[in-house]
Amino acid sequence: MSKKIKDTDYLAVSARVRALETQLLTAEQYEQLISAKTYDEEVKLLQSFGYGELEPKHPEALDADLTAVRAEAIEELGGSIPNAGDLDVFKIKYDYHNVKALLKAEAMDVSPGEMLADLGRVSVEEMFLAHKERDGSNLPGHIDEAAREGYDILAATRDPQLSDVAVDKWYFRDLLETAESTGSDFLVGYVRLHIDAANLRTLVRTLRMGKNADFLRGVLFDGGAVASEELLRVSAGGGSGLVELYAPTRLCEAAEAGAKTLGGGLLTEFEKLCDDALGAYLGEAKLIPFGEEPVLAYLAALETEYMNLRIILMGRMAGVPADVIRSRLRAGYM
């Protein structure tokens, strides 16, 4: 029988994380980036904040640079974390992202190239070989099942959205099973909230599209705290009861924003509030001195930081006004 991991096993890595937290970008630093007069000035500021020698030749190159920084941070922590499953929860999404990228590239008869992210449990080379040979039986989790089902749907329907939904269902199943295997209630709670947020997004989008409850049934994800039957009830009522359903949950503000968009309008604020609910959940880790919670919260904070940097830098290149960029930034847990 394997030794049960205790919170005290995280003493050393928790101390390391508390030091690394001080290097996360602050609100003031984000503001400096947004207020920079030129894109080159933004990149220079980012380098001064510790992001090294970035090569901003084009968006894909910059995205690869940011990805490399994230990979280094995870690798640095990897050898110190007692439970590998903690890290896997933050790697899994890249495995399934790569599955979708390979399927779409094949359907379009193009190279997946920079669509692939080498940040998952499975290397890009292994993933590409498994896709080429149509055999992912040696891959972890449900990657093989996801790839097979996604491929079959894409071949039959030529609809990449339906294929993505099928892959994502396997992703959330893998994610929840991995979280449960760690024995961490905190991590399981994070994943369930993640699933609830995904289902809320799906509910709002299907309502805006005028899709019925039968359609929604096929695109909901299992494992959340909010029952699918309740979501289907709201869908059948044309959105009636949406706010009330989420009122006692962490997604109450997001649901209110989503309800306001049912008649039309942008989803930007709604999407932001869904992500911010996850940040607020992780904020509770600040009160815990050591254990898996501070480590997991830090890893999630890194994800938020990279998301915000992409919003800022890509927004600048696209000519998005500073006030709009500022409004789209996700809240961290610091």
C-alpha atoms as a PDB file:
ATOM      1  CA  MET A   1       0.000   0.000   0.000  1.00  0.00           C
ATOM      2  CA  SER A   2       1.369   3.426  -0.938  1.00  0.00           C
ATOM      3  CA  LYS A   3       2.155   5.891   1.785  1.00  0.00           C
ATOM      4  CA  LYS A   4      -0.609   8.453   2.331  1.00  0.00           C
ATOM      5  CA  ILE A   5       0.548  11.960   1.492  1.00  0.00           C
ATOM      6  CA  LYS A   6       0.117  14.459   4.326  1.00  0.00           C
ATOM      7  CA  ASP A   7       0.006  18.250   4.226  1.00  0.00           C
ATOM      8  CA  THR A   8       3.333  18.311   6.090  1.00  0.00           C
ATOM      9  CA  ASP A   9       4.930  16.597   3.088  1.00  0.00           C
ATOM     10  CA  TYR A  10       4.383  19.906   1.309  1.00  0.00           C
ATOM     11  CA  LEU A  11       6.347  22.007   3.798  1.00  0.00           C
ATOM     12  CA  ALA A  12       9.384  22.583   1.575  1.00  0.00           C
ATOM     13  CA  VAL A  13       7.541  23.164  -1.678  1.00  0.00           C
ATOM     14  CA  SER A  14       4.979  25.409   0.071  1.00  0.00           C
ATOM     15  CA  ALA A  15       7.836  27.600   1.295  1.00  0.00           C
ATOM     16  CA  ARG A  16       9.240  27.713  -2.235  1.00  0.00           C
ATOM     17  CA  VAL A  17       5.836  28.678  -3.623  1.00  0.00           C
ATOM     18  CA  ARG A  18       5.444  31.509  -1.127  1.00  0.00           C
ATOM     19  CA  ALA A  19       8.713  32.916  -2.472  1.00  0.00           C
ATOM     20  CA  LEU A  20       7.645  32.451  -6.098  1.00  0.00           C
ATOM     21  CA  GLU A  21       4.349  34.223  -5.409  1.00  0.00           C
ATOM     22  CA  THR A  22       6.264  37.458  -4.948  1.00  0.00           C
ATOM     23  CA  GLN A  23       7.345  37.231  -8.598  1.00  0.00           C
ATOM     24  CA  LEU A  24       3.798  37.120  -9.967  1.00  0.00           C
ATOM     25  CA  LEU A  25       2.847  40.274 -11.816  1.00  0.00           C
ATOM     26  CA  THR A  26       1.052  42.896  -9.747  1.00  0.00           C
ATOM     27  CA  ALA A  27      -1.867  45.126 -10.693  1.00  0.00           C
ATOM     28  CA  GLU A  28       0.596  48.015 -11.019  1.00  0.00           C
ATOM     29  CA  GLN A  29       2.759  46.047 -13.449  1.00  0.00           C
ATOM     30  CA  TYR A  30      -0.262  45.103 -15.545  1.00  0.00           C
ATOM     31  CA  GLU A  31      -1.182  48.772 -15.666  1.00  0.00           C
ATOM     32  CA  GLN A  32       2.333  49.677 -16.840  1.00  0.00           C
ATOM     33  CA  LEU A  33       2.008  47.178 -19.676  1.00  0.00           C
ATOM     34  CA  ILE A  34      -1.420  48.457 -20.693  1.00  0.00           C
ATOM     35  CA  SER A  35      -0.285  52.088 -20.536  1.00  0.00           C
ATOM     36  CA  ALA A  36       2.864  51.507 -22.591  1.00  0.00           C
ATOM     37  CA  LYS A  37       2.884  53.685 -25.703  1.00  0.00           C
ATOM     38  CA  THR A  38       4.117  50.998 -28.095  1.00  0.00           C
ATOM     39  CA  TYR A  39       4.169  47.248 -28.448  1.00  0.00           C
ATOM     40  CA  ASP A  40       7.985  47.222 -28.239  1.00  0.00           C
ATOM     41  CA  GLU A  41       7.784  49.130 -24.970  1.00  0.00           C
ATOM     42  CA  GLU A  42       5.417  46.506 -23.605  1.00  0.00           C
ATOM     43  CA  VAL A  43       7.834  43.738 -24.479  1.00  0.00           C
ATOM     44  CA  LYS A  44      10.750  45.583 -22.850  1.00  0.00           C
ATOM     45  CA  LEU A  45       8.714  46.059 -19.686  1.00  0.00           C
ATOM     46  CA  LEU A  46       7.819  42.389 -19.650  1.00  0.00           C
ATOM     47  CA  GLN A  47      11.486  41.470 -19.970  1.00  0.00           C
ATOM     48  CA  SER A  48      12.283  43.732 -17.031  1.00  0.00           C
ATOM     49  CA  PHE A  49       9.610  41.884 -15.022  1.00  0.00           C
ATOM     50  CA  GLY A  50      11.542  38.652 -15.448  1.00  0.00           C
ATOM     51  CA  TYR A  51      10.306  37.207 -18.715  1.00  0.00           C
ATOM     52  CA  GLY A  52      13.761  37.022 -20.279  1.00  0.00           C
ATOM     53  CA  GLU A  53      14.637  37.553 -23.903  1.00  0.00           C
ATOM     54  CA  LEU A  54      11.342  37.528 -25.755  1.00  0.00           C
ATOM     55  CA  GLU A  55      11.301  37.475 -29.532  1.00  0.00           C
ATOM     56  CA  PRO A  56       8.182  39.403 -30.570  1.00  0.00           C
ATOM     57  CA  LYS A  57       8.483  38.736 -34.312  1.00  0.00           C
ATOM     58  CA  HIS A  58       4.864  37.704 -34.622  1.00  0.00           C
ATOM     59  CA  PRO A  59       2.052  36.574 -32.260  1.00  0.00           C
ATOM     60  CA  GLU A  60       2.875  32.885 -32.596  1.00  0.00           C
ATOM     61  CA  ALA A  61       6.518  33.450 -31.642  1.00  0.00           C
ATOM     62  CA  LEU A  62       5.578  35.511 -28.599  1.00  0.00           C
ATOM     63  CA  ASP A  63       3.012  32.924 -27.522  1.00  0.00           C
ATOM     64  CA  ALA A  64       5.703  30.248 -27.760  1.00  0.00           C
ATOM     65  CA  ASP A  65       8.017  32.361 -25.602  1.00  0.00           C
ATOM     66  CA  LEU A  66       5.374  32.753 -22.893  1.00  0.00           C
ATOM     67  CA  THR A  67       4.632  29.038 -23.075  1.00  0.00           C
ATOM     68  CA  ALA A  68       8.315  28.242 -22.577  1.00  0.00           C
ATOM     69  CA  VAL A  69       8.439  30.396 -19.441  1.00  0.00           C
ATOM     70  CA  ARG A  70       5.410  28.564 -18.074  1.00  0.00           C
ATOM     71  CA  ALA A  71       6.995  25.185 -18.842  1.00  0.00           C
ATOM     72  CA  GLU A  72      10.158  26.161 -16.965  1.00  0.00           C
ATOM     73  CA  ALA A  73       8.140  27.208 -13.912  1.00  0.00           C
ATOM     74  CA  ILE A  74       6.262  23.904 -13.819  1.00  0.00           C
ATOM     75  CA  GLU A  75       9.434  21.897 -14.323  1.00  0.00           C
ATOM     76  CA  GLU A  76      11.070  23.755 -11.445  1.00  0.00           C
ATOM     77  CA  LEU A  77       8.274  22.707  -9.095  1.00  0.00           C
ATOM     78  CA  GLY A  78       7.786  19.255 -10.546  1.00  0.00           C
ATOM     79  CA  GLY A  79      10.549  17.521  -8.640  1.00  0.00           C
ATOM     80  CA  SER A  80       9.409  18.929  -5.298  1.00  0.00           C
ATOM     81  CA  ILE A  81       5.684  18.139  -5.366  1.00  0.00           C
ATOM     82  CA  PRO A  82       4.866  14.953  -3.416  1.00  0.00           C
ATOM     83  CA  ASN A  83       1.888  14.037  -5.593  1.00  0.00           C
ATOM     84  CA  ALA A  84       2.392  14.051  -9.376  1.00  0.00           C
ATOM     85  CA  GLY A  85      -1.382  14.258  -9.858  1.00  0.00           C
ATOM     86  CA  ASP A  86      -1.288  17.851  -8.607  1.00  0.00           C
ATOM     87  CA  LEU A  87       0.725  18.866 -11.655  1.00  0.00           C
ATOM     88  CA  ASP A  88      -1.197  16.608 -14.011  1.00  0.00           C
ATOM     89  CA  VAL A  89      -4.395  18.556 -13.395  1.00  0.00           C
ATOM     90  CA  PHE A  90      -2.708  21.577 -14.969  1.00  0.00           C
ATOM     91  CA  LYS A  91      -1.145  19.565 -17.793  1.00  0.00           C
ATOM     92  CA  ILE A  92      -4.149  17.561 -18.945  1.00  0.00           C
ATOM     93  CA  LYS A  93      -5.834  20.366 -20.871  1.00  0.00           C
ATOM     94  CA  TYR A  94      -2.829  20.583 -23.184  1.00  0.00           C
ATOM     95  CA  ASP A  95      -3.088  16.879 -24.018  1.00  0.00           C
ATOM     96  CA  TYR A  96      -6.663  17.361 -25.181  1.00  0.00           C
ATOM     97  CA  HIS A  97      -5.843  20.667 -26.874  1.00  0.00           C
ATOM     98  CA  ASN A  98      -3.275  18.755 -28.918  1.00  0.00           C
ATOM     99  CA  VAL A  99      -5.810  16.052 -29.785  1.00  0.00           C
ATOM    100  CA  LYS A 100      -8.144  18.715 -31.187  1.00  0.00           C
ATOM    101  CA  ALA A 101      -5.313  20.475 -33.022  1.00  0.00           C
ATOM    102  CA  LEU A 102      -4.172  17.263 -34.705  1.00  0.00           C
ATOM    103  CA  LEU A 103      -7.704  16.358 -35.756  1.00  0.00           C
ATOM    104  CA  LYS A 104      -8.373  19.790 -37.237  1.00  0.00           C
ATOM    105  CA  ALA A 105      -5.006  19.926 -38.996  1.00  0.00           C
ATOM    106  CA  GLU A 106      -5.693  16.576 -40.634  1.00  0.00           C
ATOM    107  CA  ALA A 107      -9.176  17.627 -41.683  1.00  0.00           C
ATOM    108  CA  MET A 108      -7.779  20.818 -43.236  1.00  0.00           C
ATOM    109  CA  ASP A 109      -4.785  18.976 -44.734  1.00  0.00           C
ATOM    110  CA  VAL A 110      -2.287  21.314 -43.067  1.00  0.00           C
ATOM    111  CA  SER A 111       0.563  20.846 -40.633  1.00  0.00           C
ATOM    112  CA  PRO A 112      -0.454  21.277 -36.948  1.00  0.00           C
ATOM    113  CA  GLY A 113       2.832  23.137 -36.428  1.00  0.00           C
ATOM    114  CA  GLU A 114       2.514  25.869 -33.838  1.00  0.00           C
ATOM    115  CA  MET A 115      -1.029  24.823 -32.936  1.00  0.00           C
ATOM    116  CA  LEU A 116       0.534  22.156 -30.705  1.00  0.00           C
ATOM    117  CA  ALA A 117       1.625  22.945 -27.132  1.00  0.00           C
ATOM    118  CA  ASP A 118       4.316  20.808 -25.540  1.00  0.00           C
ATOM    119  CA  LEU A 119       2.997  21.299 -22.004  1.00  0.00           C
ATOM    120  CA  GLY A 120       0.944  18.173 -21.391  1.00  0.00           C
ATOM    121  CA  ARG A 121       1.648  14.833 -19.777  1.00  0.00           C
ATOM    122  CA  VAL A 122       2.352  13.495 -23.256  1.00  0.00           C
ATOM    123  CA  SER A 123       5.036  15.032 -25.465  1.00  0.00           C
ATOM    124  CA  VAL A 124       4.066  16.484 -28.824  1.00  0.00           C
ATOM    125  CA  GLU A 125       6.176  13.803 -30.531  1.00  0.00           C
ATOM    126  CA  GLU A 126       4.337  10.977 -28.745  1.00  0.00           C
ATOM    127  CA  MET A 127       0.979  12.556 -29.472  1.00  0.00           C
ATOM    128  CA  PHE A 128       1.787  13.031 -33.143  1.00  0.00           C
ATOM    129  CA  LEU A 129       2.973   9.422 -33.499  1.00  0.00           C
ATOM    130  CA  ALA A 130      -0.146   8.065 -31.785  1.00  0.00           C
ATOM    131  CA  HIS A 131      -2.317  10.160 -34.104  1.00  0.00           C
ATOM    132  CA  LYS A 132      -0.429   9.046 -37.191  1.00  0.00           C
ATOM    133  CA  GLU A 133      -0.685   5.358 -36.259  1.00  0.00           C
ATOM    134  CA  ARG A 134      -4.253   5.690 -34.925  1.00  0.00           C
ATOM    135  CA  ASP A 135      -3.121   4.016 -31.720  1.00  0.00           C
ATOM    136  CA  GLY A 136      -3.020   5.886 -28.431  1.00  0.00           C
ATOM    137  CA  SER A 137      -3.567   2.846 -26.240  1.00  0.00           C
ATOM    138  CA  ASN A 138      -0.332   3.536 -24.377  1.00  0.00           C
ATOM    139  CA  LEU A 139      -1.281   7.126 -23.564  1.00  0.00           C
ATOM    140  CA  PRO A 140      -2.587   8.110 -20.104  1.00  0.00           C
ATOM    141  CA  GLY A 141      -6.146   8.903 -19.128  1.00  0.00           C
ATOM    142  CA  HIS A 142      -8.766   8.949 -21.862  1.00  0.00           C
ATOM    143  CA  ILE A 143      -6.687  10.499 -24.641  1.00  0.00           C
ATOM    144  CA  ASP A 144      -7.095   7.505 -26.946  1.00  0.00           C
ATOM    145  CA  GLU A 145     -10.884   7.409 -26.524  1.00  0.00           C
ATOM    146  CA  ALA A 146     -11.089  11.164 -27.087  1.00  0.00           C
ATOM    147  CA  ALA A 147      -9.022  11.018 -30.273  1.00  0.00           C
ATOM    148  CA  ARG A 148     -11.007   8.102 -31.702  1.00  0.00           C
ATOM    149  CA  GLU A 149     -14.403   9.631 -30.989  1.00  0.00           C
ATOM    150  CA  GLY A 150     -13.344  13.078 -32.158  1.00  0.00           C
ATOM    151  CA  TYR A 151     -11.983  11.625 -35.397  1.00  0.00           C
ATOM    152  CA  ASP A 152     -15.134   9.584 -36.076  1.00  0.00           C
ATOM    153  CA  ILE A 153     -17.399  12.596 -35.514  1.00  0.00           C
ATOM    154  CA  LEU A 154     -15.263  14.866 -37.670  1.00  0.00           C
ATOM    155  CA  ALA A 155     -15.139  12.282 -40.463  1.00  0.00           C
ATOM    156  CA  ALA A 156     -18.903  11.764 -40.366  1.00  0.00           C
ATOM    157  CA  THR A 157     -20.085  15.358 -39.907  1.00  0.00           C
ATOM    158  CA  ARG A 158     -17.169  17.609 -40.908  1.00  0.00           C
ATOM    159  CA  ASP A 159     -18.243  19.700 -37.915  1.00  0.00           C
ATOM    160  CA  PRO A 160     -15.207  20.641 -35.773  1.00  0.00           C
ATOM    161  CA  GLN A 161     -17.421  22.003 -32.984  1.00  0.00           C
ATOM    162  CA  LEU A 162     -19.138  18.657 -32.463  1.00  0.00           C
ATOM    163  CA  SER A 163     -15.752  16.948 -32.525  1.00  0.00           C
ATOM    164  CA  ASP A 164     -14.402  19.409 -29.934  1.00  0.00           C
ATOM    165  CA  VAL A 165     -17.354  18.771 -27.616  1.00  0.00           C
ATOM    166  CA  ALA A 166     -16.710  15.031 -27.745  1.00  0.00           C
ATOM    167  CA  VAL A 167     -13.015  15.528 -26.957  1.00  0.00           C
ATOM    168  CA  ASP A 168     -13.836  17.949 -24.151  1.00  0.00           C
ATOM    169  CA  LYS A 169     -16.169  15.438 -22.517  1.00  0.00           C
ATOM    170  CA  TRP A 170     -13.276  13.007 -22.239  1.00  0.00           C
ATOM    171  CA  TYR A 171     -11.057  15.865 -21.023  1.00  0.00           C
ATOM    172  CA  PHE A 172     -13.326  16.743 -18.114  1.00  0.00           C
ATOM    173  CA  ARG A 173     -13.715  13.070 -17.219  1.00  0.00           C
ATOM    174  CA  ASP A 174      -9.932  12.635 -17.185  1.00  0.00           C
ATOM    175  CA  LEU A 175      -9.523  15.868 -15.229  1.00  0.00           C
ATOM    176  CA  LEU A 176     -11.979  14.862 -12.505  1.00  0.00           C
ATOM    177  CA  GLU A 177     -10.617  11.325 -12.196  1.00  0.00           C
ATOM    178  CA  THR A 178      -7.080  12.686 -11.852  1.00  0.00           C
ATOM    179  CA  ALA A 179      -8.157  15.185  -9.207  1.00  0.00           C
ATOM    180  CA  GLU A 180      -9.993  12.475  -7.270  1.00  0.00           C
ATOM    181  CA  SER A 181      -6.934  10.222  -7.419  1.00  0.00           C
ATOM    182  CA  THR A 182      -4.896  12.818  -5.502  1.00  0.00           C
ATOM    183  CA  GLY A 183      -7.209  12.620  -2.490  1.00  0.00           C
ATOM    184  CA  SER A 184      -7.332  16.423  -2.355  1.00  0.00           C
ATOM    185  CA  ASP A 185     -10.787  17.822  -1.609  1.00  0.00           C
ATOM    186  CA  PHE A 186      -9.484  21.262  -2.529  1.00  0.00           C
ATOM    187  CA  LEU A 187      -8.400  20.087  -5.980  1.00  0.00           C
ATOM    188  CA  VAL A 188     -11.619  18.157  -6.586  1.00  0.00           C
ATOM    189  CA  GLY A 189     -13.584  21.276  -5.648  1.00  0.00           C
ATOM    190  CA  TYR A 190     -11.560  23.311  -8.121  1.00  0.00           C
ATOM    191  CA  VAL A 191     -12.223  20.846 -10.938  1.00  0.00           C
ATOM    192  CA  ARG A 192     -15.949  20.614 -10.172  1.00  0.00           C
ATOM    193  CA  LEU A 193     -16.189  24.411 -10.243  1.00  0.00           C
ATOM    194  CA  HIS A 194     -14.305  24.370 -13.543  1.00  0.00           C
ATOM    195  CA  ILE A 195     -16.918  21.962 -14.951  1.00  0.00           C
ATOM    196  CA  ASP A 196     -19.775  24.078 -13.575  1.00  0.00           C
ATOM    197  CA  ALA A 197     -18.310  27.157 -15.263  1.00  0.00           C
ATOM    198  CA  ALA A 198     -18.000  25.275 -18.564  1.00  0.00           C
ATOM    199  CA  ASN A 199     -21.622  24.127 -18.310  1.00  0.00           C
ATOM    200  CA  LEU A 200     -22.820  27.634 -17.479  1.00  0.00           C
ATOM    201  CA  ARG A 201     -21.028  28.958 -20.553  1.00  0.00           C
ATOM    202  CA  THR A 202     -22.614  26.211 -22.633  1.00  0.00           C
ATOM    203  CA  LEU A 203     -26.085  26.925 -21.251  1.00  0.00           C
ATOM    204  CA  VAL A 204     -25.857  30.650 -21.970  1.00  0.00           C
ATOM    205  CA  ARG A 205     -24.505  30.109 -25.484  1.00  0.00           C
ATOM    206  CA  THR A 206     -27.156  27.551 -26.423  1.00  0.00           C
ATOM    207  CA  LEU A 207     -29.902  29.822 -25.118  1.00  0.00           C
ATOM    208  CA  ARG A 208     -28.535  32.719 -27.172  1.00  0.00           C
ATOM    209  CA  MET A 209     -28.467  30.470 -30.240  1.00  0.00           C
ATOM    210  CA  GLY A 210     -32.050  29.390 -29.692  1.00  0.00           C
ATOM    211  CA  LYS A 211     -31.096  25.729 -29.252  1.00  0.00           C
ATOM    212  CA  ASN A 212     -33.465  23.476 -27.329  1.00  0.00           C
ATOM    213  CA  ALA A 213     -32.912  21.356 -24.224  1.00  0.00           C
ATOM    214  CA  ASP A 214     -32.321  18.218 -26.293  1.00  0.00           C
ATOM    215  CA  PHE A 215     -29.380  19.901 -28.001  1.00  0.00           C
ATOM    216  CA  LEU A 216     -28.033  21.077 -24.638  1.00  0.00           C
ATOM    217  CA  ARG A 217     -28.214  17.546 -23.241  1.00  0.00           C
ATOM    218  CA  GLY A 218     -25.648  16.430 -25.794  1.00  0.00           C
ATOM    219  CA  VAL A 219     -23.099  19.142 -25.015  1.00  0.00           C
ATOM    220  CA  LEU A 220     -23.134  19.284 -21.208  1.00  0.00           C
ATOM    221  CA  PHE A 221     -20.216  17.901 -19.222  1.00  0.00           C
ATOM    222  CA  ASP A 222     -20.556  15.479 -16.323  1.00  0.00           C
ATOM    223  CA  GLY A 223     -19.026  15.987 -12.898  1.00  0.00           C
ATOM    224  CA  GLY A 224     -20.127  19.434 -11.831  1.00  0.00           C
ATOM    225  CA  ALA A 225     -21.930  20.351  -8.632  1.00  0.00           C
ATOM    226  CA  VAL A 226     -24.916  21.819 -10.502  1.00  0.00           C
ATOM    227  CA  ALA A 227     -27.084  18.951 -11.789  1.00  0.00           C
ATOM    228  CA  SER A 228     -27.564  18.602 -15.531  1.00  0.00           C
ATOM    229  CA  GLU A 229     -31.294  18.149 -14.970  1.00  0.00           C
ATOM    230  CA  GLU A 230     -31.472  21.647 -13.487  1.00  0.00           C
ATOM    231  CA  LEU A 231     -29.625  23.121 -16.455  1.00  0.00           C
ATOM    232  CA  LEU A 232     -32.000  21.359 -18.828  1.00  0.00           C
ATOM    233  CA  ARG A 233     -34.961  22.740 -16.879  1.00  0.00           C
ATOM    234  CA  VAL A 234     -33.637  26.278 -17.292  1.00  0.00           C
ATOM    235  CA  SER A 235     -33.041  25.633 -20.987  1.00  0.00           C
ATOM    236  CA  ALA A 236     -36.583  24.321 -21.478  1.00  0.00           C
ATOM    237  CA  GLY A 237     -37.861  27.520 -19.841  1.00  0.00           C
ATOM    238  CA  GLY A 238     -35.938  29.736 -22.225  1.00  0.00           C
ATOM    239  CA  GLY A 239     -33.563  30.872 -19.485  1.00  0.00           C
ATOM    240  CA  SER A 240     -36.115  31.343 -16.738  1.00  0.00           C
ATOM    241  CA  GLY A 241     -34.596  30.487 -13.368  1.00  0.00           C
ATOM    242  CA  LEU A 242     -30.973  30.862 -14.504  1.00  0.00           C
ATOM    243  CA  VAL A 243     -30.024  33.434 -11.877  1.00  0.00           C
ATOM    244  CA  GLU A 244     -31.899  31.607  -9.115  1.00  0.00           C
ATOM    245  CA  LEU A 245     -30.194  28.300  -9.961  1.00  0.00           C
ATOM    246  CA  TYR A 246     -26.722  29.753  -9.499  1.00  0.00           C
ATOM    247  CA  ALA A 247     -27.566  32.175  -6.686  1.00  0.00           C
ATOM    248  CA  PRO A 248     -26.150  29.912  -3.927  1.00  0.00           C
ATOM    249  CA  THR A 249     -22.991  29.075  -5.917  1.00  0.00           C
ATOM    250  CA  ARG A 250     -19.666  30.741  -6.598  1.00  0.00           C
ATOM    251  CA  LEU A 251     -20.885  31.459 -10.125  1.00  0.00           C
ATOM    252  CA  CYS A 252     -23.759  33.709  -9.026  1.00  0.00           C
ATOM    253  CA  GLU A 253     -22.285  36.915 -10.491  1.00  0.00           C
ATOM    254  CA  ALA A 254     -21.369  35.167 -13.732  1.00  0.00           C
ATOM    255  CA  ALA A 255     -24.902  33.791 -14.038  1.00  0.00           C
ATOM    256  CA  GLU A 256     -26.378  37.264 -13.550  1.00  0.00           C
ATOM    257  CA  ALA A 257     -24.111  38.617 -16.283  1.00  0.00           C
ATOM    258  CA  GLY A 258     -24.983  35.675 -18.527  1.00  0.00           C
ATOM    259  CA  ALA A 259     -28.719  36.212 -18.054  1.00  0.00           C
ATOM    260  CA  LYS A 260     -28.328  39.829 -19.154  1.00  0.00           C
ATOM    261  CA  THR A 261     -26.788  38.700 -22.453  1.00  0.00           C
ATOM    262  CA  LEU A 262     -29.602  36.332 -23.437  1.00  0.00           C
ATOM    263  CA  GLY A 263     -31.203  39.030 -25.514  1.00  0.00           C
ATOM    264  CA  GLY A 264     -27.913  39.794 -27.269  1.00  0.00           C
ATOM    265  CA  GLY A 265     -24.723  41.746 -26.625  1.00  0.00           C
ATOM    266  CA  LEU A 266     -21.139  40.829 -25.886  1.00  0.00           C
ATOM    267  CA  LEU A 267     -20.189  37.894 -23.671  1.00  0.00           C
ATOM    268  CA  THR A 268     -16.901  39.448 -22.544  1.00  0.00           C
ATOM    269  CA  GLU A 269     -17.935  40.341 -18.988  1.00  0.00           C
ATOM    270  CA  PHE A 270     -19.755  37.043 -18.542  1.00  0.00           C
ATOM    271  CA  GLU A 271     -16.699  35.045 -19.644  1.00  0.00           C
ATOM    272  CA  LYS A 272     -14.470  37.077 -17.344  1.00  0.00           C
ATOM    273  CA  LEU A 273     -16.707  36.475 -14.324  1.00  0.00           C
ATOM    274  CA  CYS A 274     -16.704  32.720 -14.979  1.00  0.00           C
ATOM    275  CA  ASP A 275     -12.906  32.744 -14.808  1.00  0.00           C
ATOM    276  CA  ASP A 276     -12.876  35.096 -11.817  1.00  0.00           C
ATOM    277  CA  ALA A 277     -15.013  32.644  -9.841  1.00  0.00           C
ATOM    278  CA  LEU A 278     -12.175  30.130 -10.136  1.00  0.00           C
ATOM    279  CA  GLY A 279      -9.708  32.789  -8.997  1.00  0.00           C
ATOM    280  CA  ALA A 280     -11.840  33.556  -5.953  1.00  0.00           C
ATOM    281  CA  TYR A 281     -11.930  29.862  -5.036  1.00  0.00           C
ATOM    282  CA  LEU A 282      -8.149  29.699  -5.195  1.00  0.00           C
ATOM    283  CA  GLY A 283      -7.919  32.834  -3.065  1.00  0.00           C
ATOM    284  CA  GLU A 284      -8.855  30.717  -0.073  1.00  0.00           C
ATOM    285  CA  ALA A 285      -5.429  29.077  -0.313  1.00  0.00           C
ATOM    286  CA  LYS A 286      -3.885  32.282   1.038  1.00  0.00           C
ATOM    287  CA  LEU A 287      -5.157  31.306   4.481  1.00  0.00           C
ATOM    288  CA  ILE A 288      -3.472  27.872   4.398  1.00  0.00           C
ATOM    289  CA  PRO A 289       0.203  27.868   5.474  1.00  0.00           C
ATOM    290  CA  PHE A 290       1.251  24.618   3.783  1.00  0.00           C
ATOM    291  CA  GLY A 291      -0.172  21.643   1.931  1.00  0.00           C
ATOM    292  CA  GLU A 292      -1.306  21.084  -1.635  1.00  0.00           C
ATOM    293  CA  GLU A 293      -3.583  24.151  -1.614  1.00  0.00           C
ATOM    294  CA  PRO A 294      -0.883  26.866  -1.850  1.00  0.00           C
ATOM    295  CA  VAL A 295       0.910  24.892  -4.576  1.00  0.00           C
ATOM    296  CA  LEU A 296      -2.227  24.371  -6.635  1.00  0.00           C
ATOM    297  CA  ALA A 297      -3.266  27.987  -6.203  1.00  0.00           C
ATOM    298  CA  TYR A 298       0.143  29.170  -7.402  1.00  0.00           C
ATOM    299  CA  LEU A 299      -0.008  26.949 -10.503  1.00  0.00           C
ATOM    300  CA  ALA A 300      -3.459  28.315 -11.310  1.00  0.00           C
ATOM    301  CA  ALA A 301      -2.211  31.861 -10.710  1.00  0.00           C
ATOM    302  CA  LEU A 302       0.485  31.249 -13.317  1.00  0.00           C
ATOM    303  CA  GLU A 303      -2.208  30.186 -15.779  1.00  0.00           C
ATOM    304  CA  THR A 304      -4.102  33.406 -15.068  1.00  0.00           C
ATOM    305  CA  GLU A 305      -0.963  35.492 -15.515  1.00  0.00           C
ATOM    306  CA  TYR A 306      -0.236  34.009 -18.932  1.00  0.00           C
ATOM    307  CA  MET A 307      -3.858  34.488 -19.966  1.00  0.00           C
ATOM    308  CA  ASN A 308      -3.686  38.141 -18.950  1.00  0.00           C
ATOM    309  CA  LEU A 309      -0.416  38.676 -20.804  1.00  0.00           C
ATOM    310  CA  ARG A 310      -1.930  37.264 -23.961  1.00  0.00           C
ATOM    311  CA  ILE A 311      -4.953  39.545 -23.541  1.00  0.00           C
ATOM    312  CA  ILE A 312      -2.666  42.571 -23.166  1.00  0.00           C
ATOM    313  CA  LEU A 313      -0.125  41.776 -25.884  1.00  0.00           C
ATOM    314  CA  MET A 314      -2.511  40.399 -28.476  1.00  0.00           C
ATOM    315  CA  GLY A 315      -4.928  43.221 -27.716  1.00  0.00           C
ATOM    316  CA  ARG A 316      -2.210  45.754 -28.376  1.00  0.00           C
ATOM    317  CA  MET A 317      -1.359  44.162 -31.727  1.00  0.00           C
ATOM    318  CA  ALA A 318      -5.037  44.095 -32.684  1.00  0.00           C
ATOM    319  CA  GLY A 319      -5.494  47.775 -31.798  1.00  0.00           C
ATOM    320  CA  VAL A 320      -7.898  47.128 -28.907  1.00  0.00           C
ATOM    321  CA  PRO A 321      -8.328  50.267 -26.726  1.00  0.00           C
ATOM    322  CA  ALA A 322      -6.576  50.239 -23.335  1.00  0.00           C
ATOM    323  CA  ASP A 323      -9.856  50.501 -21.390  1.00  0.00           C
ATOM    324  CA  VAL A 324     -11.227  47.427 -23.158  1.00  0.00           C
ATOM    325  CA  ILE A 325      -8.048  45.447 -22.509  1.00  0.00           C
ATOM    326  CA  ARG A 326      -8.146  46.492 -18.860  1.00  0.00           C
ATOM    327  CA  SER A 327     -11.744  45.311 -18.500  1.00  0.00           C
ATOM    328  CA  ARG A 328     -10.899  41.882 -19.898  1.00  0.00           C
ATOM    329  CA  LEU A 329      -8.128  41.006 -17.457  1.00  0.00           C
ATOM    330  CA  ARG A 330      -8.864  38.041 -15.227  1.00  0.00           C
ATOM    331  CA  ALA A 331      -8.659  38.461 -11.486  1.00  0.00           C
ATOM    332  CA  GLY A 332      -5.802  36.692  -9.747  1.00  0.00           C
ATOM    333  CA  TYR A 333      -5.824  35.267  -6.240  1.00  0.00           C
ATOM    334  CA  MET A 334      -3.209  37.581  -4.779  1.00  0.00           C
END
